[in-house]
Amino acid sequence: MGSYYATWGIYDGRKYWPADVPVERLSEVYIAFAAICGSNPGANNGGKSLEKFYADSHDNTDVGSYYLPEIKSLDQGEVSFIDDPWGMFDMKDTSAEATAADTQIKQIIDWKNRNADLDVIMSVGGWSYSRPFFEMISTPENRTKFLNSLGMWLKTPVFGFIDEIDFDFEYPGGEGYNQDVGDATVDGANYNALILEARAMIDRINDETGRDLQLTMAIGIGPSKLDNWAQSARISEIMPVVDRMGLMTYDFSGS
């Protein structure tokens, strides 16, 4: 049994923190959502938070906990797991139950102390964060840049709690948040190429580190979305390399 955890849930009237997630009764938790660098108008504050993250990540006067020296630039197509670094690393949970684990990142890491068998999954994309997928998957060079960046994130010690990477591209061929993008004649094939290349990258990291990282994905199963994918590829081509597929049953008969 799995559940999503929305990192923006700590704000406004929700005040829902990782400590509130009943991980003792779950098999896996998907952290929603990691963002991809590039034009992302659906991201927090119209993408301005992502832009600030890029700048902060490469400010040598204040590298903080976000700096990755291997990544020399964060251009369109590279991965940025955190679109709200203040909310993840700095904002404090002031509830009476909060102890030393008083920030989002600390409470997420603490999930494994509460349930050692829990799989923690970082989900990349989602409804409002899928815009950069279209350009990122479009060429082998862009996919390589993205996967190299993703690999660096996965090998960074602070992200050692991640067990799986989940791709949530909404949707190959279009029909997502951004209605002005998508090409059903190529998106399915390009996305399949990304999945196959991501599997090879994850396998290399597992060989290097002894970890057991897994690859999962969410797919829209509304008829038109499957038809868009099928114009250039078949989902069956990638099923042998994916550890689990999440079917978006809430879109089964439409939006």
C-alpha atoms as a PDB file:
ATOM      1  CA  MET A   1       0.000   0.000   0.000  1.00  0.00           C
ATOM      2  CA  GLY A   2       1.473   3.299  -1.098  1.00  0.00           C
ATOM      3  CA  SER A   3       0.705   6.967  -0.660  1.00  0.00           C
ATOM      4  CA  TYR A   4       1.871  10.302  -1.994  1.00  0.00           C
ATOM      5  CA  TYR A   5       3.298  12.905   0.338  1.00  0.00           C
ATOM      6  CA  ALA A   6       2.826  16.480  -0.913  1.00  0.00           C
ATOM      7  CA  THR A   7       5.757  18.652   0.148  1.00  0.00           C
ATOM      8  CA  TRP A   8       3.604  21.791  -0.141  1.00  0.00           C
ATOM      9  CA  GLY A   9       1.203  20.436   2.491  1.00  0.00           C
ATOM     10  CA  ILE A  10       3.140  22.121   5.296  1.00  0.00           C
ATOM     11  CA  TYR A  11       1.724  25.499   4.247  1.00  0.00           C
ATOM     12  CA  ASP A  12      -1.574  27.323   4.701  1.00  0.00           C
ATOM     13  CA  GLY A  13      -4.244  25.550   6.711  1.00  0.00           C
ATOM     14  CA  ARG A  14      -2.983  22.030   6.113  1.00  0.00           C
ATOM     15  CA  LYS A  15       0.100  21.973   8.366  1.00  0.00           C
ATOM     16  CA  TYR A  16       0.655  18.369   7.302  1.00  0.00           C
ATOM     17  CA  TRP A  17       4.247  17.298   7.895  1.00  0.00           C
ATOM     18  CA  PRO A  18       6.170  14.088   7.166  1.00  0.00           C
ATOM     19  CA  ALA A  19       5.799  13.205  10.843  1.00  0.00           C
ATOM     20  CA  ASP A  20       2.040  12.995  10.263  1.00  0.00           C
ATOM     21  CA  VAL A  21       2.310  10.356   7.527  1.00  0.00           C
ATOM     22  CA  PRO A  22       1.324   6.917   8.906  1.00  0.00           C
ATOM     23  CA  VAL A  23       4.415   5.237   7.485  1.00  0.00           C
ATOM     24  CA  GLU A  24       4.070   2.319   9.886  1.00  0.00           C
ATOM     25  CA  ARG A  25       1.082   1.186   7.810  1.00  0.00           C
ATOM     26  CA  LEU A  26       2.551   1.841   4.356  1.00  0.00           C
ATOM     27  CA  SER A  27       4.819  -0.060   1.977  1.00  0.00           C
ATOM     28  CA  GLU A  28       5.983   3.002   0.067  1.00  0.00           C
ATOM     29  CA  VAL A  29       5.662   6.775   0.054  1.00  0.00           C
ATOM     30  CA  TYR A  30       6.026   8.895  -3.085  1.00  0.00           C
ATOM     31  CA  ILE A  31       7.467  12.343  -2.410  1.00  0.00           C
ATOM     32  CA  ALA A  32       5.678  14.804  -4.693  1.00  0.00           C
ATOM     33  CA  PHE A  33       7.246  16.316  -6.659  1.00  0.00           C
ATOM     34  CA  ALA A  34      10.795  16.745  -7.884  1.00  0.00           C
ATOM     35  CA  ALA A  35      11.154  19.395 -10.554  1.00  0.00           C
ATOM     36  CA  ILE A  36      13.178  19.546 -13.754  1.00  0.00           C
ATOM     37  CA  CYS A  37      15.084  22.667 -14.691  1.00  0.00           C
ATOM     38  CA  GLY A  38      13.741  24.706 -17.584  1.00  0.00           C
ATOM     39  CA  SER A  39      10.552  26.576 -18.368  1.00  0.00           C
ATOM     40  CA  ASN A  40       8.146  25.422 -15.681  1.00  0.00           C
ATOM     41  CA  PRO A  41       5.250  27.883 -15.270  1.00  0.00           C
ATOM     42  CA  GLY A  42       3.297  25.378 -13.187  1.00  0.00           C
ATOM     43  CA  ALA A  43       6.008  25.244 -10.532  1.00  0.00           C
ATOM     44  CA  ASN A  44       5.887  27.136  -7.252  1.00  0.00           C
ATOM     45  CA  ASN A  45       5.574  30.881  -7.843  1.00  0.00           C
ATOM     46  CA  GLY A  46       5.555  30.403 -11.612  1.00  0.00           C
ATOM     47  CA  GLY A  47       8.992  28.820 -11.548  1.00  0.00           C
ATOM     48  CA  LYS A  48      10.684  31.668  -9.667  1.00  0.00           C
ATOM     49  CA  SER A  49      11.573  29.402  -6.746  1.00  0.00           C
ATOM     50  CA  LEU A  50      13.331  27.008  -9.115  1.00  0.00           C
ATOM     51  CA  GLU A  51      15.271  29.877 -10.654  1.00  0.00           C
ATOM     52  CA  LYS A  52      16.382  31.008  -7.191  1.00  0.00           C
ATOM     53  CA  PHE A  53      17.399  27.443  -6.363  1.00  0.00           C
ATOM     54  CA  TYR A  54      19.665  27.353  -9.412  1.00  0.00           C
ATOM     55  CA  ALA A  55      21.291  30.601  -8.341  1.00  0.00           C
ATOM     56  CA  ASP A  56      21.693  29.530  -4.709  1.00  0.00           C
ATOM     57  CA  SER A  57      23.141  26.178  -5.788  1.00  0.00           C
ATOM     58  CA  HIS A  58      25.984  27.906  -7.607  1.00  0.00           C
ATOM     59  CA  ASP A  59      26.677  30.886  -5.356  1.00  0.00           C
ATOM     60  CA  ASN A  60      30.203  30.224  -4.103  1.00  0.00           C
ATOM     61  CA  THR A  61      29.781  32.781  -1.325  1.00  0.00           C
ATOM     62  CA  ASP A  62      26.983  30.810   0.313  1.00  0.00           C
ATOM     63  CA  VAL A  63      26.951  27.235  -0.927  1.00  0.00           C
ATOM     64  CA  GLY A  64      24.852  26.000   1.975  1.00  0.00           C
ATOM     65  CA  SER A  65      23.554  22.449   1.814  1.00  0.00           C
ATOM     66  CA  TYR A  66      22.337  22.687  -1.746  1.00  0.00           C
ATOM     67  CA  TYR A  67      25.602  22.945  -3.679  1.00  0.00           C
ATOM     68  CA  LEU A  68      26.622  20.073  -5.927  1.00  0.00           C
ATOM     69  CA  PRO A  69      30.165  20.727  -7.170  1.00  0.00           C
ATOM     70  CA  GLU A  70      29.938  18.157  -9.961  1.00  0.00           C
ATOM     71  CA  ILE A  71      27.151  20.108 -11.683  1.00  0.00           C
ATOM     72  CA  LYS A  72      28.682  23.138 -13.365  1.00  0.00           C
ATOM     73  CA  SER A  73      25.428  24.575 -14.664  1.00  0.00           C
ATOM     74  CA  LEU A  74      21.743  23.925 -14.151  1.00  0.00           C
ATOM     75  CA  ASP A  75      20.348  24.587 -17.583  1.00  0.00           C
ATOM     76  CA  GLN A  76      17.100  23.418 -19.089  1.00  0.00           C
ATOM     77  CA  GLY A  77      16.757  19.676 -18.767  1.00  0.00           C
ATOM     78  CA  GLU A  78      18.845  19.038 -15.676  1.00  0.00           C
ATOM     79  CA  VAL A  79      17.143  17.834 -12.540  1.00  0.00           C
ATOM     80  CA  SER A  80      16.406  19.883  -9.438  1.00  0.00           C
ATOM     81  CA  PHE A  81      14.833  17.767  -6.746  1.00  0.00           C
ATOM     82  CA  ILE A  82      13.909  20.730  -4.579  1.00  0.00           C
ATOM     83  CA  ASP A  83      11.797  23.568  -5.892  1.00  0.00           C
ATOM     84  CA  ASP A  84      11.319  24.993  -2.373  1.00  0.00           C
ATOM     85  CA  PRO A  85      14.613  24.677  -0.469  1.00  0.00           C
ATOM     86  CA  TRP A  86      13.432  26.894   2.381  1.00  0.00           C
ATOM     87  CA  GLY A  87      10.370  24.710   2.933  1.00  0.00           C
ATOM     88  CA  MET A  88      12.454  21.539   2.727  1.00  0.00           C
ATOM     89  CA  PHE A  89      15.585  22.481   4.675  1.00  0.00           C
ATOM     90  CA  ASP A  90      14.810  25.541   6.817  1.00  0.00           C
ATOM     91  CA  MET A  91      11.137  25.869   7.776  1.00  0.00           C
ATOM     92  CA  LYS A  92      10.506  24.418  11.232  1.00  0.00           C
ATOM     93  CA  ASP A  93       7.629  22.287  12.430  1.00  0.00           C
ATOM     94  CA  THR A  94       6.534  24.095  15.592  1.00  0.00           C
ATOM     95  CA  SER A  95       3.969  21.531  16.733  1.00  0.00           C
ATOM     96  CA  ALA A  96       4.248  20.035  20.189  1.00  0.00           C
ATOM     97  CA  GLU A  97       5.090  16.654  18.696  1.00  0.00           C
ATOM     98  CA  ALA A  98       8.112  17.977  16.774  1.00  0.00           C
ATOM     99  CA  THR A  99      11.408  17.149  18.447  1.00  0.00           C
ATOM    100  CA  ALA A 100      14.875  17.118  16.907  1.00  0.00           C
ATOM    101  CA  ALA A 101      13.323  16.192  13.561  1.00  0.00           C
ATOM    102  CA  ASP A 102      11.857  19.637  13.081  1.00  0.00           C
ATOM    103  CA  THR A 103      12.290  20.212   9.329  1.00  0.00           C
ATOM    104  CA  GLN A 104      10.777  18.444   6.344  1.00  0.00           C
ATOM    105  CA  ILE A 105      14.024  16.785   5.285  1.00  0.00           C
ATOM    106  CA  LYS A 106      14.746  15.532   8.807  1.00  0.00           C
ATOM    107  CA  GLN A 107      11.242  14.138   9.206  1.00  0.00           C
ATOM    108  CA  ILE A 108      11.416  12.420   5.800  1.00  0.00           C
ATOM    109  CA  ILE A 109      14.720  10.808   6.743  1.00  0.00           C
ATOM    110  CA  ASP A 110      13.118   9.764  10.050  1.00  0.00           C
ATOM    111  CA  TRP A 111      10.528   7.697   8.164  1.00  0.00           C
ATOM    112  CA  LYS A 112      13.046   4.852   7.981  1.00  0.00           C
ATOM    113  CA  ASN A 113      13.470   4.920  11.760  1.00  0.00           C
ATOM    114  CA  ARG A 114       9.705   4.468  12.077  1.00  0.00           C
ATOM    115  CA  ASN A 115       9.466   1.765   9.385  1.00  0.00           C
ATOM    116  CA  ALA A 116      12.726   0.194   8.275  1.00  0.00           C
ATOM    117  CA  ASP A 117      10.966  -1.633   5.433  1.00  0.00           C
ATOM    118  CA  LEU A 118       9.469   1.515   3.914  1.00  0.00           C
ATOM    119  CA  ASP A 119      10.412   2.392   0.333  1.00  0.00           C
ATOM    120  CA  VAL A 120      10.831   6.134  -0.149  1.00  0.00           C
ATOM    121  CA  ILE A 121      10.274   7.223  -3.726  1.00  0.00           C
ATOM    122  CA  MET A 122      11.145  10.564  -5.303  1.00  0.00           C
ATOM    123  CA  SER A 123       8.561  11.310  -7.978  1.00  0.00           C
ATOM    124  CA  VAL A 124       9.769  13.548 -10.815  1.00  0.00           C
ATOM    125  CA  GLY A 125       7.183  15.603 -12.650  1.00  0.00           C
ATOM    126  CA  GLY A 126       3.495  15.542 -11.866  1.00  0.00           C
ATOM    127  CA  TRP A 127       0.632  17.518 -13.372  1.00  0.00           C
ATOM    128  CA  SER A 128       2.124  20.991 -12.933  1.00  0.00           C
ATOM    129  CA  TYR A 129       5.844  20.105 -13.163  1.00  0.00           C
ATOM    130  CA  SER A 130       5.882  18.133 -16.425  1.00  0.00           C
ATOM    131  CA  ARG A 131       6.534  20.979 -18.863  1.00  0.00           C
ATOM    132  CA  PRO A 132      10.342  20.488 -19.182  1.00  0.00           C
ATOM    133  CA  PHE A 133       9.947  16.783 -19.977  1.00  0.00           C
ATOM    134  CA  PHE A 134       9.086  17.572 -23.587  1.00  0.00           C
ATOM    135  CA  GLU A 135      12.426  19.230 -24.404  1.00  0.00           C
ATOM    136  CA  MET A 136      14.443  17.014 -22.081  1.00  0.00           C
ATOM    137  CA  ILE A 137      13.416  13.766 -23.790  1.00  0.00           C
ATOM    138  CA  SER A 138      13.648  15.184 -27.309  1.00  0.00           C
ATOM    139  CA  THR A 139      17.334  14.419 -28.009  1.00  0.00           C
ATOM    140  CA  PRO A 140      19.903  11.898 -26.755  1.00  0.00           C
ATOM    141  CA  GLU A 141      22.072  14.805 -25.595  1.00  0.00           C
ATOM    142  CA  ASN A 142      19.300  16.306 -23.453  1.00  0.00           C
ATOM    143  CA  ARG A 143      18.429  12.939 -21.944  1.00  0.00           C
ATOM    144  CA  THR A 144      22.081  12.288 -21.107  1.00  0.00           C
ATOM    145  CA  LYS A 145      22.421  15.682 -19.421  1.00  0.00           C
ATOM    146  CA  PHE A 146      19.319  15.017 -17.341  1.00  0.00           C
ATOM    147  CA  LEU A 147      20.348  11.494 -16.352  1.00  0.00           C
ATOM    148  CA  ASN A 148      23.897  12.558 -15.465  1.00  0.00           C
ATOM    149  CA  SER A 149      22.433  15.221 -13.203  1.00  0.00           C
ATOM    150  CA  LEU A 150      19.942  12.774 -11.700  1.00  0.00           C
ATOM    151  CA  GLY A 151      22.735  10.306 -11.038  1.00  0.00           C
ATOM    152  CA  MET A 152      24.742  12.948  -9.194  1.00  0.00           C
ATOM    153  CA  TRP A 153      21.751  13.706  -6.993  1.00  0.00           C
ATOM    154  CA  LEU A 154      21.219  10.026  -6.199  1.00  0.00           C
ATOM    155  CA  LYS A 155      24.863   9.599  -5.179  1.00  0.00           C
ATOM    156  CA  THR A 156      24.789  12.658  -2.918  1.00  0.00           C
ATOM    157  CA  PRO A 157      24.808  11.367   0.700  1.00  0.00           C
ATOM    158  CA  VAL A 158      21.847  13.432   1.917  1.00  0.00           C
ATOM    159  CA  PHE A 159      19.635  11.611  -0.590  1.00  0.00           C
ATOM    160  CA  GLY A 160      20.690   8.172   0.579  1.00  0.00           C
ATOM    161  CA  PHE A 161      17.196   7.619   1.974  1.00  0.00           C
ATOM    162  CA  ILE A 162      15.750   7.391  -1.551  1.00  0.00           C
ATOM    163  CA  ASP A 163      14.940   3.854  -2.661  1.00  0.00           C
ATOM    164  CA  GLU A 164      13.248   4.531  -5.987  1.00  0.00           C
ATOM    165  CA  ILE A 165      12.955   7.131  -8.722  1.00  0.00           C
ATOM    166  CA  ASP A 166       9.497   7.582 -10.186  1.00  0.00           C
ATOM    167  CA  PHE A 167       8.792   9.356 -13.476  1.00  0.00           C
ATOM    168  CA  ASP A 168       5.416  11.071 -13.698  1.00  0.00           C
ATOM    169  CA  PHE A 169       5.320  12.668 -17.156  1.00  0.00           C
ATOM    170  CA  GLU A 170       1.866  14.113 -17.827  1.00  0.00           C
ATOM    171  CA  TYR A 171       1.644  13.305 -20.693  1.00  0.00           C
ATOM    172  CA  PRO A 172       3.568  12.054 -23.741  1.00  0.00           C
ATOM    173  CA  GLY A 173       1.780  13.634 -26.680  1.00  0.00           C
ATOM    174  CA  GLY A 174       0.276  16.464 -24.636  1.00  0.00           C
ATOM    175  CA  GLU A 175      -3.100  16.911 -22.884  1.00  0.00           C
ATOM    176  CA  GLY A 176      -1.461  17.916 -19.607  1.00  0.00           C
ATOM    177  CA  TYR A 177      -1.197  21.179 -17.684  1.00  0.00           C
ATOM    178  CA  ASN A 178       0.585  22.816 -20.601  1.00  0.00           C
ATOM    179  CA  GLN A 179      -1.791  22.527 -23.540  1.00  0.00           C
ATOM    180  CA  ASP A 180       0.602  24.221 -25.978  1.00  0.00           C
ATOM    181  CA  VAL A 181       3.226  21.460 -25.999  1.00  0.00           C
ATOM    182  CA  GLY A 182       3.400  17.820 -26.989  1.00  0.00           C
ATOM    183  CA  ASP A 183       3.987  15.903 -30.207  1.00  0.00           C
ATOM    184  CA  ALA A 184       2.268  12.546 -30.325  1.00  0.00           C
ATOM    185  CA  THR A 185       4.338  11.481 -33.329  1.00  0.00           C
ATOM    186  CA  VAL A 186       7.596  11.393 -31.299  1.00  0.00           C
ATOM    187  CA  ASP A 187       6.943  11.793 -27.553  1.00  0.00           C
ATOM    188  CA  GLY A 188       6.203   8.124 -26.858  1.00  0.00           C
ATOM    189  CA  ALA A 189       9.387   6.929 -28.529  1.00  0.00           C
ATOM    190  CA  ASN A 190      11.473   9.613 -26.845  1.00  0.00           C
ATOM    191  CA  TYR A 191      10.006   8.806 -23.445  1.00  0.00           C
ATOM    192  CA  ASN A 192      10.645   5.090 -23.934  1.00  0.00           C
ATOM    193  CA  ALA A 193      14.266   5.951 -24.727  1.00  0.00           C
ATOM    194  CA  LEU A 194      14.529   7.911 -21.464  1.00  0.00           C
ATOM    195  CA  ILE A 195      13.144   4.994 -19.446  1.00  0.00           C
ATOM    196  CA  LEU A 196      15.564   2.518 -21.001  1.00  0.00           C
ATOM    197  CA  GLU A 197      18.505   4.877 -20.458  1.00  0.00           C
ATOM    198  CA  ALA A 198      17.394   5.596 -16.883  1.00  0.00           C
ATOM    199  CA  ARG A 199      17.340   1.863 -16.149  1.00  0.00           C
ATOM    200  CA  ALA A 200      20.925   1.556 -17.374  1.00  0.00           C
ATOM    201  CA  MET A 201      21.986   4.544 -15.259  1.00  0.00           C
ATOM    202  CA  ILE A 202      20.320   3.180 -12.120  1.00  0.00           C
ATOM    203  CA  ASP A 203      21.880  -0.228 -12.682  1.00  0.00           C
ATOM    204  CA  ARG A 204      25.318   1.398 -12.896  1.00  0.00           C
ATOM    205  CA  ILE A 205      24.753   3.239  -9.609  1.00  0.00           C
ATOM    206  CA  ASN A 206      23.600   0.015  -7.961  1.00  0.00           C
ATOM    207  CA  ASP A 207      26.736  -1.754  -9.184  1.00  0.00           C
ATOM    208  CA  GLU A 208      28.956   1.075  -7.935  1.00  0.00           C
ATOM    209  CA  THR A 209      27.315   1.558  -4.547  1.00  0.00           C
ATOM    210  CA  GLY A 210      25.716  -1.774  -3.657  1.00  0.00           C
ATOM    211  CA  ARG A 211      22.314  -0.086  -3.382  1.00  0.00           C
ATOM    212  CA  ASP A 212      19.088  -1.476  -4.769  1.00  0.00           C
ATOM    213  CA  LEU A 213      17.578   1.619  -6.368  1.00  0.00           C
ATOM    214  CA  GLN A 214      14.467   0.907  -8.376  1.00  0.00           C
ATOM    215  CA  LEU A 215      12.688   2.615 -11.266  1.00  0.00           C
ATOM    216  CA  THR A 216       8.960   3.253 -11.279  1.00  0.00           C
ATOM    217  CA  MET A 217       6.590   5.357 -13.324  1.00  0.00           C
ATOM    218  CA  ALA A 218       3.048   6.683 -13.338  1.00  0.00           C
ATOM    219  CA  ILE A 219       1.091   6.568 -16.576  1.00  0.00           C
ATOM    220  CA  GLY A 220      -2.178   8.089 -17.682  1.00  0.00           C
ATOM    221  CA  ILE A 221      -4.478   5.331 -18.913  1.00  0.00           C
ATOM    222  CA  GLY A 222      -7.231   7.424 -20.448  1.00  0.00           C
ATOM    223  CA  PRO A 223      -7.786   6.185 -24.023  1.00  0.00           C
ATOM    224  CA  SER A 224      -6.578   9.358 -25.722  1.00  0.00           C
ATOM    225  CA  LYS A 225      -3.396   9.418 -23.646  1.00  0.00           C
ATOM    226  CA  LEU A 226      -2.599   5.821 -24.529  1.00  0.00           C
ATOM    227  CA  ASP A 227      -3.369   6.554 -28.176  1.00  0.00           C
ATOM    228  CA  ASN A 228      -0.918   9.476 -28.127  1.00  0.00           C
ATOM    229  CA  TRP A 229       1.836   7.246 -26.737  1.00  0.00           C
ATOM    230  CA  ALA A 230       1.041   4.505 -29.250  1.00  0.00           C
ATOM    231  CA  GLN A 231       1.588   6.781 -32.244  1.00  0.00           C
ATOM    232  CA  SER A 232       5.344   6.327 -31.879  1.00  0.00           C
ATOM    233  CA  ALA A 233       5.976   3.533 -29.340  1.00  0.00           C
ATOM    234  CA  ARG A 234       4.522   0.752 -27.227  1.00  0.00           C
ATOM    235  CA  ILE A 235       4.472   0.713 -23.443  1.00  0.00           C
ATOM    236  CA  SER A 236       5.270  -3.004 -23.614  1.00  0.00           C
ATOM    237  CA  GLU A 237       8.797  -2.072 -24.777  1.00  0.00           C
ATOM    238  CA  ILE A 238       9.664  -0.572 -21.379  1.00  0.00           C
ATOM    239  CA  MET A 239       7.733  -2.870 -19.057  1.00  0.00           C
ATOM    240  CA  PRO A 240      10.667  -5.323 -18.664  1.00  0.00           C
ATOM    241  CA  VAL A 241      12.879  -2.574 -17.174  1.00  0.00           C
ATOM    242  CA  VAL A 242      10.349  -0.892 -14.858  1.00  0.00           C
ATOM    243  CA  ASP A 243       9.931  -2.228 -11.336  1.00  0.00           C
ATOM    244  CA  ARG A 244       6.398  -0.890 -10.905  1.00  0.00           C
ATOM    245  CA  MET A 245       3.833   1.120 -12.856  1.00  0.00           C
ATOM    246  CA  GLY A 246       1.242   3.315 -11.188  1.00  0.00           C
ATOM    247  CA  LEU A 247      -1.939   3.545 -13.257  1.00  0.00           C
ATOM    248  CA  MET A 248      -3.729   6.901 -13.047  1.00  0.00           C
ATOM    249  CA  THR A 249      -7.145   5.344 -12.603  1.00  0.00           C
ATOM    250  CA  TYR A 250      -8.689   8.719 -11.773  1.00  0.00           C
ATOM    251  CA  ASP A 251      -8.226   9.568 -15.475  1.00  0.00           C
ATOM    252  CA  PHE A 252      -9.519   6.237 -16.751  1.00  0.00           C
ATOM    253  CA  SER A 253     -12.585   7.683 -18.436  1.00  0.00           C
ATOM    254  CA  GLY A 254     -11.394  11.250 -18.993  1.00  0.00           C
ATOM    255  CA  SER A 255     -10.196  14.140 -16.899  1.00  0.00           C
END
